[in-house]
Amino acid sequence: MRVEQVMQREVIVCRPEETVAEALERIWTRGVHFLPVVDAEDRLLGAFWNCRVLEEMAPEYICELGQAPFVPDIGALHRRYRELAPKPVVEVMDPDPVTIEPDESLLAAAAAIVCRGAHAEYALVVDEHKKLLGLISATDVLRAIAELTIREGDEAP
């Protein structure tokens, strides 16, 4: 089974000049976790992740502190959001998201998603010119395998 047989073809995107605030609003209103960033010809430039914005907002020392229950307010996050909100997404996006081509196998898609790690629940499907064609998620891969298993008469454990 190939990526093109399973991928989602309708993808909500943003442009590199859009602001962080505009892109976050689209993420919230459309119920997605990220937006591929594409140019006017729909060539993939990167991916804008809500978690990436939070990473940019958090003080550098926060991971060393853990949950930091003694911090009384979110003033630092608020100040940093106000700085980031008007910036273009190109300044915050991941410039190297997980990509895969449509003729690759589901195993290749699974490998791309699993081996990337952070922010890699999805692989963006692009052609040889980096034009965005769609996306495939870990859920898409799992659903396709489960449906194939059921069609073949094998019961899932």
N, C-alpha and C. Protein backbone atom coordinates (compact mmCIF):
# COMPACT_ATOMS: atom_id res chain seq x y z
N MET A 1 0.85 -1.17 0.00
CA MET A 1 0.00 0.00 0.00
C MET A 1 0.90 1.24 0.00
N ARG A 2 0.50 2.23 -0.76
CA ARG A 2 1.29 3.45 -0.95
C ARG A 2 0.70 4.64 -0.19
N VAL A 3 1.55 5.60 0.10
CA VAL A 3 1.15 6.82 0.81
C VAL A 3 -0.01 7.50 0.10
N GLU A 4 0.04 7.60 -1.23
CA GLU A 4 -0.99 8.30 -1.98
C GLU A 4 -2.37 7.66 -1.83
N GLN A 5 -2.44 6.40 -1.44
CA GLN A 5 -3.71 5.72 -1.25
C GLN A 5 -4.35 6.05 0.09
N VAL A 6 -3.57 6.57 1.01
CA VAL A 6 -4.03 6.78 2.38
C VAL A 6 -3.99 8.25 2.80
N MET A 7 -3.18 9.04 2.15
CA MET A 7 -2.93 10.42 2.61
C MET A 7 -4.18 11.29 2.57
N GLN A 8 -4.15 12.31 3.40
CA GLN A 8 -5.20 13.33 3.42
C GLN A 8 -4.81 14.39 2.39
N ARG A 9 -5.68 14.66 1.47
CA ARG A 9 -5.36 15.59 0.38
C ARG A 9 -5.73 17.05 0.68
N GLU A 10 -6.68 17.25 1.55
CA GLU A 10 -7.07 18.61 1.91
C GLU A 10 -6.33 19.00 3.18
N VAL A 11 -5.45 19.97 3.03
CA VAL A 11 -4.59 20.38 4.14
C VAL A 11 -4.73 21.88 4.34
N ILE A 12 -4.92 22.28 5.57
CA ILE A 12 -4.99 23.70 5.92
C ILE A 12 -3.56 24.20 6.03
N VAL A 13 -3.24 25.28 5.33
CA VAL A 13 -1.87 25.78 5.27
C VAL A 13 -1.82 27.24 5.71
N CYS A 14 -0.59 27.75 5.81
CA CYS A 14 -0.39 29.17 6.00
C CYS A 14 0.77 29.62 5.11
N ARG A 15 0.87 30.91 4.95
CA ARG A 15 1.92 31.52 4.13
C ARG A 15 3.02 32.07 5.06
N PRO A 16 4.24 32.17 4.56
CA PRO A 16 5.35 32.58 5.42
C PRO A 16 5.21 33.98 6.00
N GLU A 17 4.49 34.85 5.33
CA GLU A 17 4.35 36.23 5.80
C GLU A 17 3.23 36.40 6.83
N GLU A 18 2.39 35.39 7.01
CA GLU A 18 1.33 35.48 8.02
C GLU A 18 1.97 35.61 9.40
N THR A 19 1.25 36.25 10.30
CA THR A 19 1.80 36.43 11.64
C THR A 19 1.57 35.18 12.49
N VAL A 20 2.34 35.07 13.54
CA VAL A 20 2.18 33.99 14.50
C VAL A 20 0.76 34.00 15.05
N ALA A 21 0.24 35.17 15.38
CA ALA A 21 -1.11 35.28 15.93
C ALA A 21 -2.15 34.78 14.92
N GLU A 22 -2.01 35.14 13.66
CA GLU A 22 -2.96 34.69 12.63
C GLU A 22 -2.91 33.17 12.47
N ALA A 23 -1.70 32.63 12.44
CA ALA A 23 -1.56 31.18 12.27
C ALA A 23 -2.11 30.43 13.49
N LEU A 24 -1.86 30.92 14.69
CA LEU A 24 -2.40 30.27 15.88
C LEU A 24 -3.93 30.32 15.88
N GLU A 25 -4.48 31.43 15.46
CA GLU A 25 -5.95 31.53 15.38
C GLU A 25 -6.50 30.49 14.41
N ARG A 26 -5.85 30.28 13.29
CA ARG A 26 -6.29 29.26 12.34
C ARG A 26 -6.18 27.86 12.95
N ILE A 27 -5.10 27.60 13.66
CA ILE A 27 -4.93 26.30 14.33
C ILE A 27 -6.09 26.07 15.30
N TRP A 28 -6.40 27.07 16.10
CA TRP A 28 -7.46 26.93 17.11
C TRP A 28 -8.84 26.77 16.48
N THR A 29 -9.14 27.59 15.49
CA THR A 29 -10.49 27.55 14.91
C THR A 29 -10.70 26.34 14.01
N ARG A 30 -9.64 25.82 13.41
CA ARG A 30 -9.77 24.67 12.52
C ARG A 30 -9.50 23.34 13.21
N GLY A 31 -9.08 23.38 14.47
CA GLY A 31 -8.88 22.16 15.24
C GLY A 31 -7.73 21.29 14.77
N VAL A 32 -6.66 21.93 14.32
CA VAL A 32 -5.47 21.20 13.88
C VAL A 32 -4.33 21.49 14.84
N HIS A 33 -3.23 20.74 14.72
CA HIS A 33 -2.08 20.91 15.61
C HIS A 33 -0.94 21.69 14.97
N PHE A 34 -0.97 21.78 13.66
CA PHE A 34 0.10 22.48 12.96
C PHE A 34 -0.40 22.92 11.59
N LEU A 35 0.39 23.79 10.95
CA LEU A 35 0.08 24.25 9.60
C LEU A 35 1.33 24.13 8.75
N PRO A 36 1.25 23.44 7.61
CA PRO A 36 2.37 23.50 6.68
C PRO A 36 2.49 24.94 6.17
N VAL A 37 3.70 25.40 6.02
CA VAL A 37 3.96 26.74 5.50
C VAL A 37 4.38 26.57 4.05
N VAL A 38 3.60 27.20 3.14
CA VAL A 38 3.86 27.05 1.71
C VAL A 38 3.97 28.42 1.05
N ASP A 39 4.69 28.45 -0.08
CA ASP A 39 4.80 29.69 -0.85
C ASP A 39 3.61 29.81 -1.81
N ALA A 40 3.63 30.80 -2.69
CA ALA A 40 2.51 31.05 -3.60
C ALA A 40 2.28 29.90 -4.57
N GLU A 41 3.30 29.09 -4.82
CA GLU A 41 3.17 27.93 -5.72
C GLU A 41 2.92 26.64 -4.93
N ASP A 42 2.57 26.76 -3.67
CA ASP A 42 2.30 25.62 -2.78
C ASP A 42 3.51 24.73 -2.54
N ARG A 43 4.71 25.29 -2.69
CA ARG A 43 5.92 24.54 -2.33
C ARG A 43 6.13 24.66 -0.83
N LEU A 44 6.47 23.53 -0.23
CA LEU A 44 6.64 23.47 1.21
C LEU A 44 7.89 24.22 1.65
N LEU A 45 7.71 25.10 2.62
CA LEU A 45 8.82 25.85 3.20
C LEU A 45 9.15 25.39 4.61
N GLY A 46 8.14 24.84 5.30
CA GLY A 46 8.33 24.42 6.68
C GLY A 46 7.00 24.06 7.29
N ALA A 47 6.99 23.95 8.61
CA ALA A 47 5.76 23.64 9.34
C ALA A 47 5.69 24.52 10.59
N PHE A 48 4.53 25.06 10.83
CA PHE A 48 4.27 25.91 11.98
C PHE A 48 3.51 25.09 13.01
N TRP A 49 4.16 24.81 14.14
CA TRP A 49 3.61 23.97 15.20
C TRP A 49 3.26 24.81 16.42
N ASN A 50 2.10 24.55 17.02
CA ASN A 50 1.76 25.27 18.24
C ASN A 50 2.77 24.97 19.35
N CYS A 51 3.28 23.75 19.41
CA CYS A 51 4.30 23.41 20.43
C CYS A 51 5.59 24.18 20.20
N ARG A 52 5.91 24.44 18.95
CA ARG A 52 7.13 25.20 18.64
C ARG A 52 7.00 26.63 19.17
N VAL A 53 5.81 27.19 19.05
CA VAL A 53 5.57 28.54 19.58
C VAL A 53 5.74 28.53 21.10
N LEU A 54 5.18 27.51 21.75
CA LEU A 54 5.32 27.41 23.20
C LEU A 54 6.79 27.26 23.60
N GLU A 55 7.55 26.51 22.83
CA GLU A 55 8.99 26.39 23.09
C GLU A 55 9.67 27.74 23.00
N GLU A 56 9.27 28.54 22.02
CA GLU A 56 9.84 29.88 21.85
C GLU A 56 9.44 30.81 22.99
N MET A 57 8.25 30.60 23.52
CA MET A 57 7.74 31.47 24.59
C MET A 57 8.35 31.15 25.95
N ALA A 58 8.62 29.89 26.20
CA ALA A 58 9.09 29.48 27.52
C ALA A 58 10.51 29.99 27.79
N PRO A 59 10.78 30.42 29.00
CA PRO A 59 12.13 30.82 29.34
C PRO A 59 13.09 29.64 29.16
N GLU A 60 14.32 29.92 28.79
CA GLU A 60 15.30 28.88 28.51
C GLU A 60 15.51 27.94 29.70
N TYR A 61 15.40 28.45 30.90
CA TYR A 61 15.68 27.65 32.08
C TYR A 61 14.53 26.75 32.50
N ILE A 62 13.37 26.85 31.86
CA ILE A 62 12.17 26.17 32.35
C ILE A 62 12.32 24.65 32.38
N CYS A 63 13.00 24.07 31.42
CA CYS A 63 13.15 22.61 31.40
C CYS A 63 14.03 22.12 32.54
N GLU A 64 14.95 22.94 32.96
CA GLU A 64 15.79 22.56 34.08
C GLU A 64 15.02 22.59 35.40
N LEU A 65 13.98 23.43 35.46
CA LEU A 65 13.19 23.55 36.69
C LEU A 65 12.10 22.49 36.79
N GLY A 66 11.74 21.88 35.70
CA GLY A 66 10.64 20.93 35.72
C GLY A 66 9.31 21.65 35.66
N GLN A 67 8.38 21.26 36.49
CA GLN A 67 7.06 21.87 36.46
C GLN A 67 7.02 23.26 37.09
N ALA A 68 7.99 23.58 37.88
CA ALA A 68 8.11 24.90 38.51
C ALA A 68 6.84 25.34 39.24
N PRO A 69 6.36 24.56 40.23
CA PRO A 69 5.12 24.92 40.92
C PRO A 69 5.22 26.20 41.74
N PHE A 70 6.44 26.64 41.99
CA PHE A 70 6.63 27.82 42.81
C PHE A 70 6.52 29.12 42.00
N VAL A 71 6.41 29.02 40.68
CA VAL A 71 6.29 30.23 39.85
C VAL A 71 4.87 30.77 40.00
N PRO A 72 4.71 32.00 40.46
CA PRO A 72 3.38 32.51 40.83
C PRO A 72 2.47 32.89 39.66
N ASP A 73 3.01 33.22 38.49
CA ASP A 73 2.12 33.63 37.40
C ASP A 73 2.75 33.28 36.05
N ILE A 74 2.05 33.63 35.01
CA ILE A 74 2.54 33.33 33.67
C ILE A 74 3.03 34.59 32.95
N GLY A 75 3.46 35.54 33.72
CA GLY A 75 3.90 36.82 33.16
C GLY A 75 4.96 36.67 32.09
N ALA A 76 5.94 35.80 32.29
CA ALA A 76 7.01 35.62 31.30
C ALA A 76 6.44 35.09 29.99
N LEU A 77 5.51 34.15 30.07
CA LEU A 77 4.90 33.61 28.85
C LEU A 77 4.07 34.67 28.14
N HIS A 78 3.35 35.44 28.91
CA HIS A 78 2.51 36.50 28.34
C HIS A 78 3.37 37.53 27.61
N ARG A 79 4.43 37.97 28.24
CA ARG A 79 5.33 38.95 27.61
C ARG A 79 5.92 38.40 26.32
N ARG A 80 6.36 37.16 26.37
CA ARG A 80 6.98 36.55 25.18
C ARG A 80 5.96 36.36 24.06
N TYR A 81 4.71 36.01 24.40
CA TYR A 81 3.68 35.88 23.38
C TYR A 81 3.45 37.22 22.68
N ARG A 82 3.42 38.27 23.45
CA ARG A 82 3.22 39.61 22.86
C ARG A 82 4.35 39.96 21.91
N GLU A 83 5.55 39.47 22.17
CA GLU A 83 6.68 39.69 21.26
C GLU A 83 6.57 38.85 19.99
N LEU A 84 6.11 37.61 20.16
CA LEU A 84 6.05 36.68 19.04
C LEU A 84 4.83 36.89 18.13
N ALA A 85 3.71 37.28 18.70
CA ALA A 85 2.45 37.36 17.96
C ALA A 85 2.52 38.12 16.63
N PRO A 86 3.19 39.26 16.57
CA PRO A 86 3.22 39.99 15.29
C PRO A 86 4.30 39.51 14.31
N LYS A 87 5.15 38.59 14.72
CA LYS A 87 6.22 38.12 13.85
C LYS A 87 5.68 37.20 12.76
N PRO A 88 6.36 37.15 11.62
CA PRO A 88 5.93 36.22 10.57
C PRO A 88 6.24 34.78 10.98
N VAL A 89 5.38 33.85 10.54
CA VAL A 89 5.57 32.45 10.92
C VAL A 89 6.91 31.90 10.45
N VAL A 90 7.45 32.46 9.40
CA VAL A 90 8.73 31.97 8.87
C VAL A 90 9.84 32.07 9.93
N GLU A 91 9.68 32.96 10.89
CA GLU A 91 10.69 33.13 11.95
C GLU A 91 10.56 32.09 13.05
N VAL A 92 9.43 31.39 13.11
CA VAL A 92 9.18 30.44 14.20
C VAL A 92 9.00 29.01 13.68
N MET A 93 8.75 28.86 12.40
CA MET A 93 8.43 27.54 11.84
C MET A 93 9.61 26.57 11.92
N ASP A 94 9.30 25.31 11.81
CA ASP A 94 10.31 24.26 11.66
C ASP A 94 10.66 24.23 10.17
N PRO A 95 11.88 24.56 9.80
CA PRO A 95 12.23 24.61 8.37
C PRO A 95 12.47 23.23 7.75
N ASP A 96 12.47 22.20 8.57
CA ASP A 96 12.77 20.86 8.07
C ASP A 96 11.77 19.83 8.60
N PRO A 97 10.49 19.96 8.23
CA PRO A 97 9.50 19.00 8.72
C PRO A 97 9.68 17.63 8.05
N VAL A 98 9.05 16.63 8.61
CA VAL A 98 9.09 15.28 8.05
C VAL A 98 8.32 15.30 6.73
N THR A 99 8.97 14.82 5.67
CA THR A 99 8.32 14.75 4.36
C THR A 99 8.45 13.34 3.79
N ILE A 100 7.56 13.06 2.87
CA ILE A 100 7.56 11.78 2.18
C ILE A 100 6.92 11.99 0.81
N GLU A 101 7.27 11.14 -0.14
CA GLU A 101 6.68 11.26 -1.47
C GLU A 101 5.49 10.32 -1.60
N PRO A 102 4.56 10.63 -2.49
CA PRO A 102 3.30 9.86 -2.56
C PRO A 102 3.46 8.41 -2.98
N ASP A 103 4.52 8.08 -3.69
CA ASP A 103 4.68 6.70 -4.16
C ASP A 103 5.43 5.81 -3.18
N GLU A 104 5.76 6.35 -2.01
CA GLU A 104 6.45 5.55 -1.00
C GLU A 104 5.46 4.67 -0.25
N SER A 105 5.98 3.64 0.40
CA SER A 105 5.15 2.66 1.10
C SER A 105 4.68 3.18 2.46
N LEU A 106 3.68 2.51 3.01
CA LEU A 106 3.24 2.85 4.37
C LEU A 106 4.32 2.56 5.39
N LEU A 107 5.14 1.55 5.12
CA LEU A 107 6.27 1.27 6.02
C LEU A 107 7.24 2.45 6.02
N ALA A 108 7.49 3.02 4.85
CA ALA A 108 8.36 4.20 4.77
C ALA A 108 7.74 5.37 5.52
N ALA A 109 6.42 5.53 5.41
CA ALA A 109 5.74 6.60 6.14
C ALA A 109 5.86 6.39 7.65
N ALA A 110 5.64 5.14 8.08
CA ALA A 110 5.77 4.83 9.51
C ALA A 110 7.19 5.12 9.99
N ALA A 111 8.17 4.75 9.22
CA ALA A 111 9.57 4.99 9.59
C ALA A 111 9.85 6.49 9.68
N ALA A 112 9.35 7.25 8.72
CA ALA A 112 9.58 8.70 8.72
C ALA A 112 8.98 9.34 9.97
N ILE A 113 7.78 8.90 10.32
CA ILE A 113 7.10 9.47 11.48
C ILE A 113 7.77 9.04 12.78
N VAL A 114 8.06 7.76 12.93
CA VAL A 114 8.62 7.23 14.17
C VAL A 114 10.05 7.70 14.40
N CYS A 115 10.85 7.72 13.37
CA CYS A 115 12.28 8.03 13.54
C CYS A 115 12.56 9.51 13.74
N ARG A 116 11.64 10.38 13.40
CA ARG A 116 11.87 11.81 13.54
C ARG A 116 11.79 12.28 14.98
N GLY A 117 10.85 11.74 15.72
CA GLY A 117 10.72 12.16 17.12
C GLY A 117 9.81 13.35 17.29
N ALA A 118 10.34 14.42 17.90
CA ALA A 118 9.53 15.58 18.28
C ALA A 118 8.69 16.11 17.12
N HIS A 119 7.45 16.43 17.41
CA HIS A 119 6.50 17.02 16.47
C HIS A 119 6.26 16.15 15.25
N ALA A 120 6.48 14.87 15.34
CA ALA A 120 6.38 14.04 14.14
C ALA A 120 5.24 13.03 14.24
N GLU A 121 4.05 13.50 14.38
CA GLU A 121 2.90 12.61 14.30
C GLU A 121 2.42 12.55 12.86
N TYR A 122 2.98 13.41 12.03
CA TYR A 122 2.59 13.53 10.64
C TYR A 122 3.82 13.56 9.74
N ALA A 123 3.63 13.17 8.49
CA ALA A 123 4.62 13.40 7.44
C ALA A 123 3.89 14.17 6.35
N LEU A 124 4.52 15.21 5.85
CA LEU A 124 3.94 16.01 4.78
C LEU A 124 4.29 15.36 3.45
N VAL A 125 3.30 15.18 2.61
CA VAL A 125 3.49 14.51 1.33
C VAL A 125 3.80 15.57 0.27
N VAL A 126 4.96 15.44 -0.35
CA VAL A 126 5.40 16.41 -1.35
C VAL A 126 5.86 15.68 -2.61
N ASP A 127 5.84 16.41 -3.74
CA ASP A 127 6.37 15.84 -4.97
C ASP A 127 7.86 16.17 -5.07
N GLU A 128 8.46 15.83 -6.18
CA GLU A 128 9.91 16.03 -6.36
C GLU A 128 10.30 17.50 -6.36
N HIS A 129 9.34 18.41 -6.53
CA HIS A 129 9.61 19.85 -6.52
C HIS A 129 9.22 20.50 -5.19
N LYS A 130 8.93 19.66 -4.20
CA LYS A 130 8.52 20.09 -2.85
C LYS A 130 7.13 20.72 -2.82
N LYS A 131 6.32 20.49 -3.87
CA LYS A 131 4.94 20.97 -3.84
C LYS A 131 4.15 20.10 -2.87
N LEU A 132 3.40 20.75 -1.97
CA LEU A 132 2.62 20.03 -0.98
C LEU A 132 1.43 19.37 -1.64
N LEU A 133 1.32 18.05 -1.45
CA LEU A 133 0.21 17.28 -2.01
C LEU A 133 -0.79 16.83 -0.96
N GLY A 134 -0.34 16.75 0.29
CA GLY A 134 -1.20 16.29 1.36
C GLY A 134 -0.38 15.98 2.59
N LEU A 135 -0.97 15.17 3.47
CA LEU A 135 -0.24 14.72 4.65
C LEU A 135 -0.71 13.32 5.02
N ILE A 136 0.12 12.65 5.76
CA ILE A 136 -0.23 11.33 6.29
C ILE A 136 0.14 11.33 7.76
N SER A 137 -0.77 10.84 8.58
CA SER A 137 -0.54 10.83 10.02
C SER A 137 -0.30 9.40 10.51
N ALA A 138 0.18 9.30 11.72
CA ALA A 138 0.33 7.99 12.34
C ALA A 138 -1.02 7.30 12.39
N THR A 139 -2.08 8.03 12.66
CA THR A 139 -3.43 7.47 12.69
C THR A 139 -3.83 6.94 11.32
N ASP A 140 -3.49 7.66 10.25
CA ASP A 140 -3.81 7.20 8.90
C ASP A 140 -3.14 5.86 8.60
N VAL A 141 -1.87 5.74 8.99
CA VAL A 141 -1.13 4.50 8.77
C VAL A 141 -1.76 3.36 9.56
N LEU A 142 -2.03 3.59 10.84
CA LEU A 142 -2.62 2.56 11.69
C LEU A 142 -4.01 2.14 11.20
N ARG A 143 -4.81 3.12 10.80
CA ARG A 143 -6.16 2.81 10.30
C ARG A 143 -6.08 1.95 9.04
N ALA A 144 -5.20 2.29 8.12
CA ALA A 144 -5.05 1.53 6.87
C ALA A 144 -4.63 0.09 7.15
N ILE A 145 -3.70 -0.09 8.07
CA ILE A 145 -3.24 -1.44 8.41
C ILE A 145 -4.36 -2.23 9.09
N ALA A 146 -5.09 -1.60 10.01
CA ALA A 146 -6.20 -2.27 10.70
C ALA A 146 -7.29 -2.67 9.72
N GLU A 147 -7.64 -1.77 8.79
CA GLU A 147 -8.68 -2.09 7.80
C GLU A 147 -8.23 -3.21 6.87
N LEU A 148 -6.97 -3.20 6.49
CA LEU A 148 -6.44 -4.27 5.65
C LEU A 148 -6.49 -5.60 6.39
N THR A 149 -6.15 -5.58 7.66
CA THR A 149 -6.18 -6.79 8.50
C THR A 149 -7.60 -7.34 8.58
N ILE A 150 -8.56 -6.47 8.79
CA ILE A 150 -9.95 -6.90 8.89
C ILE A 150 -10.44 -7.45 7.55
N ARG A 151 -10.10 -6.79 6.45
CA ARG A 151 -10.51 -7.26 5.13
C ARG A 151 -9.95 -8.64 4.82
N GLU A 152 -8.74 -8.90 5.31
CA GLU A 152 -8.10 -10.19 5.05
C GLU A 152 -8.64 -11.28 5.99
N GLY A 153 -9.52 -10.89 6.90
CA GLY A 153 -10.12 -11.87 7.79
C GLY A 153 -9.33 -12.15 9.04
N ASP A 154 -8.25 -11.42 9.26
CA ASP A 154 -7.46 -11.60 10.48
C ASP A 154 -8.07 -10.73 11.56
N GLU A 155 -8.25 -11.29 12.68
CA GLU A 155 -8.75 -10.54 13.84
C GLU A 155 -7.57 -9.84 14.50
N ALA A 156 -7.74 -8.58 14.82
CA ALA A 156 -6.70 -7.87 15.55
C ALA A 156 -6.66 -8.41 16.97
N PRO A 157 -5.48 -8.54 17.55
CA PRO A 157 -5.37 -9.09 18.91
C PRO A 157 -6.03 -8.19 19.93
